[in-house]
Amino acid sequence: MDYGVITFTSTYGAIYAQKVLRPAADVLTMPVLREISLGCGIAVRFKPEDLDTVRAALAASTLKPGEYAFYGVTGSGGALRAERLP
């Protein structure tokens, strides 16, 4: 995994998650990748080594698990692959 992405069912969820995650990890707001095309159109990108920290921060937030999904992204351009993480 080159980096992780979290998608959200609502714009509110994406903005709220960014606020929750900023103190815990280095995150970046970005458009949802075409390879995923799920959710509200806004995603949060994070470093692979921050996966456990990001999961814990979201679990402790008011967002419900069904309101977001984690993906692992590898490659770039035509070789880009996004795989949903359990």
Protein backbone atom coordinates (compact mmCIF):
# COMPACT_ATOMS: atom_id res chain seq x y z
CA MET A 1 0.00 0.00 0.00
CA ASP A 2 1.45 3.36 -1.07
CA TYR A 3 -1.18 5.32 0.86
CA GLY A 4 -4.60 4.91 2.42
CA VAL A 5 -7.86 6.64 1.59
CA ILE A 6 -11.05 6.96 3.60
CA THR A 7 -14.32 7.60 1.76
CA PHE A 8 -17.48 8.92 3.38
CA THR A 9 -21.21 8.71 2.80
CA SER A 10 -21.64 12.45 3.38
CA THR A 11 -19.70 15.67 2.99
CA TYR A 12 -20.31 16.38 6.66
CA GLY A 13 -18.62 13.08 7.56
CA ALA A 14 -15.57 13.90 5.45
CA ILE A 15 -15.16 17.38 6.95
CA TYR A 16 -15.76 16.13 10.49
CA ALA A 17 -13.27 13.27 10.05
CA GLN A 18 -10.62 15.67 8.78
CA LYS A 19 -11.09 17.75 11.93
CA VAL A 20 -10.86 14.64 14.15
CA LEU A 21 -7.85 13.18 12.33
CA ARG A 22 -5.62 16.26 11.95
CA PRO A 23 -4.31 16.16 15.55
CA ALA A 24 -3.69 12.39 15.31
CA ALA A 25 -2.09 11.93 11.86
CA ASP A 26 -0.85 13.69 8.75
CA VAL A 27 -4.00 13.70 6.57
CA LEU A 28 -4.95 15.37 3.31
CA THR A 29 -8.42 16.03 1.89
CA MET A 30 -8.76 15.01 -1.75
CA PRO A 31 -11.36 14.03 -4.34
CA VAL A 32 -12.42 10.38 -4.31
CA LEU A 33 -10.38 8.37 -6.80
CA ARG A 34 -12.14 7.30 -9.97
CA GLU A 35 -11.15 3.70 -9.16
CA ILE A 36 -13.24 3.89 -5.99
CA SER A 37 -16.08 6.24 -7.02
CA LEU A 38 -17.98 5.59 -3.81
CA GLY A 39 -19.31 8.11 -1.36
CA CYS A 40 -19.77 11.85 -1.32
CA GLY A 41 -16.83 12.77 -3.57
CA ILE A 42 -14.47 13.84 -0.78
CA ALA A 43 -11.85 11.49 0.67
CA VAL A 44 -9.14 11.74 3.30
CA ARG A 45 -5.67 10.45 2.43
CA PHE A 46 -3.25 9.13 5.07
CA LYS A 47 0.14 7.40 5.30
CA PRO A 48 0.12 3.58 5.59
CA GLU A 49 1.96 3.69 8.90
CA ASP A 50 -0.88 5.80 10.36
CA LEU A 51 -3.62 3.22 9.61
CA ASP A 52 -4.04 2.04 13.21
CA THR A 53 -4.00 5.59 14.57
CA VAL A 54 -6.55 6.77 11.99
CA ARG A 55 -8.83 3.78 12.67
CA ALA A 56 -8.69 4.41 16.42
CA ALA A 57 -9.42 8.13 16.04
CA LEU A 58 -12.45 7.48 13.83
CA ALA A 59 -13.70 4.71 16.12
CA ALA A 60 -13.57 7.17 19.04
CA SER A 61 -15.47 9.82 17.05
CA THR A 62 -19.23 10.16 16.62
CA LEU A 63 -19.07 8.75 13.08
CA LYS A 64 -20.57 5.28 12.73
CA PRO A 65 -18.55 2.54 10.94
CA GLY A 66 -21.10 2.44 8.07
CA GLU A 67 -20.43 6.12 7.32
CA TYR A 68 -16.88 5.57 6.09
CA ALA A 69 -14.70 2.98 4.35
CA PHE A 70 -10.95 2.40 4.18
CA TYR A 71 -9.00 1.69 0.98
CA GLY A 72 -5.37 0.85 0.32
CA VAL A 73 -3.97 2.45 -2.84
CA THR A 74 -0.95 1.26 -4.79
CA GLY A 75 0.60 2.43 -8.04
CA SER A 76 -0.27 5.47 -10.11
CA GLY A 77 -1.74 6.41 -13.46
CA GLY A 78 -3.01 3.42 -15.41
CA ALA A 79 -1.48 1.03 -12.87
CA LEU A 80 -3.32 2.55 -9.88
CA ARG A 81 -5.18 0.01 -7.75
CA ALA A 82 -7.51 0.71 -4.86
CA GLU A 83 -8.52 -2.17 -2.63
CA ARG A 84 -11.05 -1.96 0.18
CA LEU A 85 -9.50 -2.73 3.55
CA PRO A 86 -11.34 -4.83 6.14
